[in-house]
Each structure stands twice: as structure tokens, then as C-alpha cells.
Amino acid sequence: MPSRTSLAVAAAVAVVALVSGCGRQVAVPPPDARAPVCDQVSIPATVSGAGLRPTTEPGTAAWGEPPITYRCGVVRPAALAPTSKLLDVGGIGWLPIEGAGGTGFFAVTWPTESEPVYVEVLVPDEYAAPADVLIDISAALASAGD
């Protein structure tokens, strides 16, 4: 049985894909727990070759078609456990969660491991190497506050 987090990732990917088909602007749900450090992130113009698109909410971003989406300041992922295997990309630990329709990645060690501000990145299945988007996003997160 799929976890609640993987179902949430699948639902979010599906909603963003459906809504974004209507025009250039992407409707991304607002972050639940937005933090001031989110305002210090310089959103990259491209991620993994996909160009930046306008979004409807502060603390969000989207790239490409179908859109890769970003939300800074989301709640702690329910799937995060002390034994979770994280991807380290540019010094930032990401929790990958596979879901129907795409992969969700959650930054769980930024800006610090002891006081994280969780960042969500949803990558639709159409992208062959979903973790590649984390290279550009991790660099933006790492430079926040410099």
C-alpha cells in the first residue's frame, strides 16, 4: 500500500500538470510553513535545461513543460525517518519519494540540519533523470544568505 507521502506527491504532480496546461503561468500551492530564509534564495533561470515559468504564489517556482515545481517552507515530510536514505547534492540532503506521475524531493538539511526549512521539488515522470534538477536548486539554496 502506498504511503500517505507518496500519495500526496502523486496528487500534487497531477494537479500541477493539469493546471499548468491552461497557460504559461503555473498554479503552485502556497508553502505551508514559509520561512524568511526562503526569500533569500535566488531562483535559477533554468534547472536541468528547463526554463523558469511564472507561478501564482510567493515561495514557489516552476520550470519547463510539464512543470518541475518548487515550494520553499513546506511541512516536514511524513516519510522522513532517522533511517531515511538521503541524496547529498551540493551539501544539501534530499529525501526522494517516488509517486505515481513523478518523484518528489524534499530538502531536509537546509539551511541547517538542526533547524531545517523543508523545500519540496516535484519532478514529473517525463524527465528522464529527475535528480538532475537538484544540482541547480541545491546551488541556489547553498548560496542563500551569502
C-alpha atoms as a PDB file:
ATOM      1  CA  MET A   1       0.000   0.000   0.000  1.00  0.00           C
ATOM      2  CA  PRO A   2       1.433   3.429  -0.935  1.00  0.00           C
ATOM      3  CA  SER A   3       2.373   5.762   1.896  1.00  0.00           C
ATOM      4  CA  ARG A   4       0.467   8.973   2.560  1.00  0.00           C
ATOM      5  CA  THR A   5       3.501  10.966   1.429  1.00  0.00           C
ATOM      6  CA  SER A   6       3.791   9.142  -1.905  1.00  0.00           C
ATOM      7  CA  LEU A   7       0.076   9.652  -2.491  1.00  0.00           C
ATOM      8  CA  ALA A   8       0.463  13.361  -1.696  1.00  0.00           C
ATOM      9  CA  VAL A   9       3.400  13.613  -4.123  1.00  0.00           C
ATOM     10  CA  ALA A  10       1.380  11.891  -6.837  1.00  0.00           C
ATOM     11  CA  ALA A  11      -1.627  14.147  -6.249  1.00  0.00           C
ATOM     12  CA  ALA A  12       0.492  17.299  -6.271  1.00  0.00           C
ATOM     13  CA  VAL A  13       2.258  16.304  -9.501  1.00  0.00           C
ATOM     14  CA  ALA A  14      -1.108  15.560 -11.127  1.00  0.00           C
ATOM     15  CA  VAL A  15      -2.686  18.848 -10.008  1.00  0.00           C
ATOM     16  CA  VAL A  16       0.256  20.928 -11.199  1.00  0.00           C
ATOM     17  CA  ALA A  17       0.312  19.109 -14.546  1.00  0.00           C
ATOM     18  CA  LEU A  18      -3.426  19.638 -15.075  1.00  0.00           C
ATOM     19  CA  VAL A  19      -3.484  23.284 -14.052  1.00  0.00           C
ATOM     20  CA  SER A  20      -0.346  24.244 -15.931  1.00  0.00           C
ATOM     21  CA  GLY A  21      -1.714  23.020 -19.242  1.00  0.00           C
ATOM     22  CA  CYS A  22      -4.038  26.033 -19.355  1.00  0.00           C
ATOM     23  CA  GLY A  23      -1.353  28.683 -19.882  1.00  0.00           C
ATOM     24  CA  ARG A  24       2.126  29.908 -19.241  1.00  0.00           C
ATOM     25  CA  GLN A  25       1.638  30.681 -15.524  1.00  0.00           C
ATOM     26  CA  VAL A  26       1.784  27.630 -13.244  1.00  0.00           C
ATOM     27  CA  ALA A  27      -0.558  27.339 -10.257  1.00  0.00           C
ATOM     28  CA  VAL A  28       1.625  26.022  -7.446  1.00  0.00           C
ATOM     29  CA  PRO A  29       0.052  25.617  -3.996  1.00  0.00           C
ATOM     30  CA  PRO A  30       1.464  28.068  -1.432  1.00  0.00           C
ATOM     31  CA  PRO A  31       4.024  26.711   1.037  1.00  0.00           C
ATOM     32  CA  ASP A  32       2.536  25.718   4.408  1.00  0.00           C
ATOM     33  CA  ALA A  33       5.377  26.926   6.634  1.00  0.00           C
ATOM     34  CA  ARG A  34       7.207  29.605   4.645  1.00  0.00           C
ATOM     35  CA  ALA A  35      10.279  30.980   6.409  1.00  0.00           C
ATOM     36  CA  PRO A  36      12.183  34.265   5.932  1.00  0.00           C
ATOM     37  CA  VAL A  37      15.237  32.371   4.580  1.00  0.00           C
ATOM     38  CA  CYS A  38      13.093  31.356   1.577  1.00  0.00           C
ATOM     39  CA  ASP A  39      13.178  34.990   0.420  1.00  0.00           C
ATOM     40  CA  GLN A  40      16.990  34.810   0.232  1.00  0.00           C
ATOM     41  CA  VAL A  41      17.008  32.052  -2.404  1.00  0.00           C
ATOM     42  CA  SER A  42      17.885  33.259  -5.907  1.00  0.00           C
ATOM     43  CA  ILE A  43      15.652  31.097  -8.067  1.00  0.00           C
ATOM     44  CA  PRO A  44      17.690  29.753 -11.011  1.00  0.00           C
ATOM     45  CA  ALA A  45      16.629  30.735 -14.540  1.00  0.00           C
ATOM     46  CA  THR A  46      16.941  27.101 -15.607  1.00  0.00           C
ATOM     47  CA  VAL A  47      17.054  23.721 -13.911  1.00  0.00           C
ATOM     48  CA  SER A  48      18.338  20.763 -15.878  1.00  0.00           C
ATOM     49  CA  GLY A  49      17.840  22.801 -19.066  1.00  0.00           C
ATOM     50  CA  ALA A  50      14.181  23.680 -18.348  1.00  0.00           C
ATOM     51  CA  GLY A  51      13.324  27.409 -18.354  1.00  0.00           C
ATOM     52  CA  LEU A  52      11.724  29.316 -15.493  1.00  0.00           C
ATOM     53  CA  ARG A  53       7.967  29.968 -15.687  1.00  0.00           C
ATOM     54  CA  PRO A  54       5.847  32.375 -13.622  1.00  0.00           C
ATOM     55  CA  THR A  55       3.913  30.969 -10.658  1.00  0.00           C
ATOM     56  CA  THR A  56       0.934  32.116  -8.644  1.00  0.00           C
ATOM     57  CA  GLU A  57       2.414  32.144  -5.124  1.00  0.00           C
ATOM     58  CA  PRO A  58       5.459  33.623  -3.328  1.00  0.00           C
ATOM     59  CA  GLY A  59       7.974  30.992  -2.244  1.00  0.00           C
ATOM     60  CA  THR A  60       7.274  28.900  -5.337  1.00  0.00           C
ATOM     61  CA  ALA A  61       8.855  28.383  -8.744  1.00  0.00           C
ATOM     62  CA  ALA A  62       8.315  26.238 -11.828  1.00  0.00           C
ATOM     63  CA  TRP A  63      10.426  25.255 -14.808  1.00  0.00           C
ATOM     64  CA  GLY A  64       9.658  23.550 -18.114  1.00  0.00           C
ATOM     65  CA  GLU A  65       6.665  21.701 -19.520  1.00  0.00           C
ATOM     66  CA  PRO A  66       5.331  19.700 -17.836  1.00  0.00           C
ATOM     67  CA  PRO A  67       6.432  21.865 -14.936  1.00  0.00           C
ATOM     68  CA  ILE A  68       9.008  20.944 -12.357  1.00  0.00           C
ATOM     69  CA  THR A  69       7.734  22.731  -9.228  1.00  0.00           C
ATOM     70  CA  TYR A  70       9.449  24.134  -6.128  1.00  0.00           C
ATOM     71  CA  ARG A  71       7.996  25.247  -2.797  1.00  0.00           C
ATOM     72  CA  CYS A  72      10.141  26.634  -0.001  1.00  0.00           C
ATOM     73  CA  GLY A  73       8.779  26.175   3.516  1.00  0.00           C
ATOM     74  CA  VAL A  74       6.645  23.050   3.477  1.00  0.00           C
ATOM     75  CA  VAL A  75       5.840  20.812   6.442  1.00  0.00           C
ATOM     76  CA  ARG A  76       8.230  18.038   7.435  1.00  0.00           C
ATOM     77  CA  PRO A  77       7.726  15.065   5.104  1.00  0.00           C
ATOM     78  CA  ALA A  78       5.934  12.233   6.918  1.00  0.00           C
ATOM     79  CA  ALA A  79       8.272   9.706   5.261  1.00  0.00           C
ATOM     80  CA  LEU A  80      11.360  11.266   6.880  1.00  0.00           C
ATOM     81  CA  ALA A  81      12.804   8.907   9.485  1.00  0.00           C
ATOM     82  CA  PRO A  82      16.191   8.583  11.203  1.00  0.00           C
ATOM     83  CA  THR A  83      16.942   5.687   8.823  1.00  0.00           C
ATOM     84  CA  SER A  84      15.924   7.535   5.636  1.00  0.00           C
ATOM     85  CA  LYS A  85      18.476   7.403   2.829  1.00  0.00           C
ATOM     86  CA  LEU A  86      19.176  10.928   1.613  1.00  0.00           C
ATOM     87  CA  LEU A  87      20.757  12.115  -1.619  1.00  0.00           C
ATOM     88  CA  ASP A  88      23.555  14.602  -0.964  1.00  0.00           C
ATOM     89  CA  VAL A  89      23.594  17.179  -3.735  1.00  0.00           C
ATOM     90  CA  GLY A  90      25.854  20.184  -3.239  1.00  0.00           C
ATOM     91  CA  GLY A  91      25.967  19.628   0.523  1.00  0.00           C
ATOM     92  CA  ILE A  92      22.172  19.514   0.892  1.00  0.00           C
ATOM     93  CA  GLY A  93      20.406  16.331   1.955  1.00  0.00           C
ATOM     94  CA  TRP A  94      17.347  15.466  -0.166  1.00  0.00           C
ATOM     95  CA  LEU A  95      14.743  12.826   0.660  1.00  0.00           C
ATOM     96  CA  PRO A  96      13.445  11.254  -2.585  1.00  0.00           C
ATOM     97  CA  ILE A  97       9.878   9.947  -2.651  1.00  0.00           C
ATOM     98  CA  GLU A  98       8.618   8.098  -5.708  1.00  0.00           C
ATOM     99  CA  GLY A  99       4.973   8.630  -6.566  1.00  0.00           C
ATOM    100  CA  ALA A 100       2.596   7.946  -9.401  1.00  0.00           C
ATOM    101  CA  GLY A 101       3.312  10.615 -12.000  1.00  0.00           C
ATOM    102  CA  GLY A 102       6.678  11.723 -10.711  1.00  0.00           C
ATOM    103  CA  THR A 103       9.278  11.998  -7.997  1.00  0.00           C
ATOM    104  CA  GLY A 104       9.197  14.327  -5.037  1.00  0.00           C
ATOM    105  CA  PHE A 105      12.405  15.534  -3.435  1.00  0.00           C
ATOM    106  CA  PHE A 106      12.466  17.227  -0.035  1.00  0.00           C
ATOM    107  CA  ALA A 107      15.473  19.211   1.191  1.00  0.00           C
ATOM    108  CA  VAL A 108      15.739  18.136   4.816  1.00  0.00           C
ATOM    109  CA  THR A 109      19.084  19.592   5.903  1.00  0.00           C
ATOM    110  CA  TRP A 110      18.772  23.211   4.708  1.00  0.00           C
ATOM    111  CA  PRO A 111      19.703  25.817   5.902  1.00  0.00           C
ATOM    112  CA  THR A 112      20.923  23.634   8.793  1.00  0.00           C
ATOM    113  CA  GLU A 113      20.368  20.036   9.773  1.00  0.00           C
ATOM    114  CA  SER A 114      19.299  21.002  13.298  1.00  0.00           C
ATOM    115  CA  GLU A 115      16.792  23.683  12.189  1.00  0.00           C
ATOM    116  CA  PRO A 116      15.704  22.794   8.653  1.00  0.00           C
ATOM    117  CA  VAL A 117      13.330  24.687   6.428  1.00  0.00           C
ATOM    118  CA  TYR A 118      11.875  21.979   4.220  1.00  0.00           C
ATOM    119  CA  VAL A 119      11.899  22.535   0.467  1.00  0.00           C
ATOM    120  CA  GLU A 120       9.769  20.472  -1.912  1.00  0.00           C
ATOM    121  CA  VAL A 121      10.655  19.832  -5.562  1.00  0.00           C
ATOM    122  CA  LEU A 122       8.264  17.778  -7.698  1.00  0.00           C
ATOM    123  CA  VAL A 123       9.553  16.326 -10.965  1.00  0.00           C
ATOM    124  CA  PRO A 124       7.093  14.733 -13.422  1.00  0.00           C
ATOM    125  CA  ASP A 125       7.895  11.316 -14.925  1.00  0.00           C
ATOM    126  CA  GLU A 126       8.574  12.927 -18.314  1.00  0.00           C
ATOM    127  CA  TYR A 127      12.051  13.945 -17.096  1.00  0.00           C
ATOM    128  CA  ALA A 128      14.498  11.092 -17.640  1.00  0.00           C
ATOM    129  CA  ALA A 129      16.867  11.991 -14.788  1.00  0.00           C
ATOM    130  CA  PRO A 130      14.710  13.606 -12.085  1.00  0.00           C
ATOM    131  CA  ALA A 131      17.529  14.063  -9.560  1.00  0.00           C
ATOM    132  CA  ASP A 132      19.467  16.223 -12.058  1.00  0.00           C
ATOM    133  CA  VAL A 133      17.201  19.180 -11.225  1.00  0.00           C
ATOM    134  CA  LEU A 134      18.642  19.166  -7.708  1.00  0.00           C
ATOM    135  CA  ILE A 135      22.058  20.317  -8.960  1.00  0.00           C
ATOM    136  CA  ASP A 136      20.818  23.812  -9.856  1.00  0.00           C
ATOM    137  CA  ILE A 137      18.365  24.053  -6.960  1.00  0.00           C
ATOM    138  CA  SER A 138      20.953  22.909  -4.386  1.00  0.00           C
ATOM    139  CA  ALA A 139      23.373  25.575  -5.644  1.00  0.00           C
ATOM    140  CA  ALA A 140      20.680  28.239  -5.201  1.00  0.00           C
ATOM    141  CA  LEU A 141      19.859  27.030  -1.692  1.00  0.00           C
ATOM    142  CA  ALA A 142      23.547  26.834  -0.703  1.00  0.00           C
ATOM    143  CA  SER A 143      24.145  30.433  -1.779  1.00  0.00           C
ATOM    144  CA  ALA A 144      21.116  31.822   0.106  1.00  0.00           C
ATOM    145  CA  GLY A 145      22.195  34.214   2.797  1.00  0.00           C
ATOM    146  CA  ASP A 146      25.747  34.573   1.448  1.00  0.00           C
END
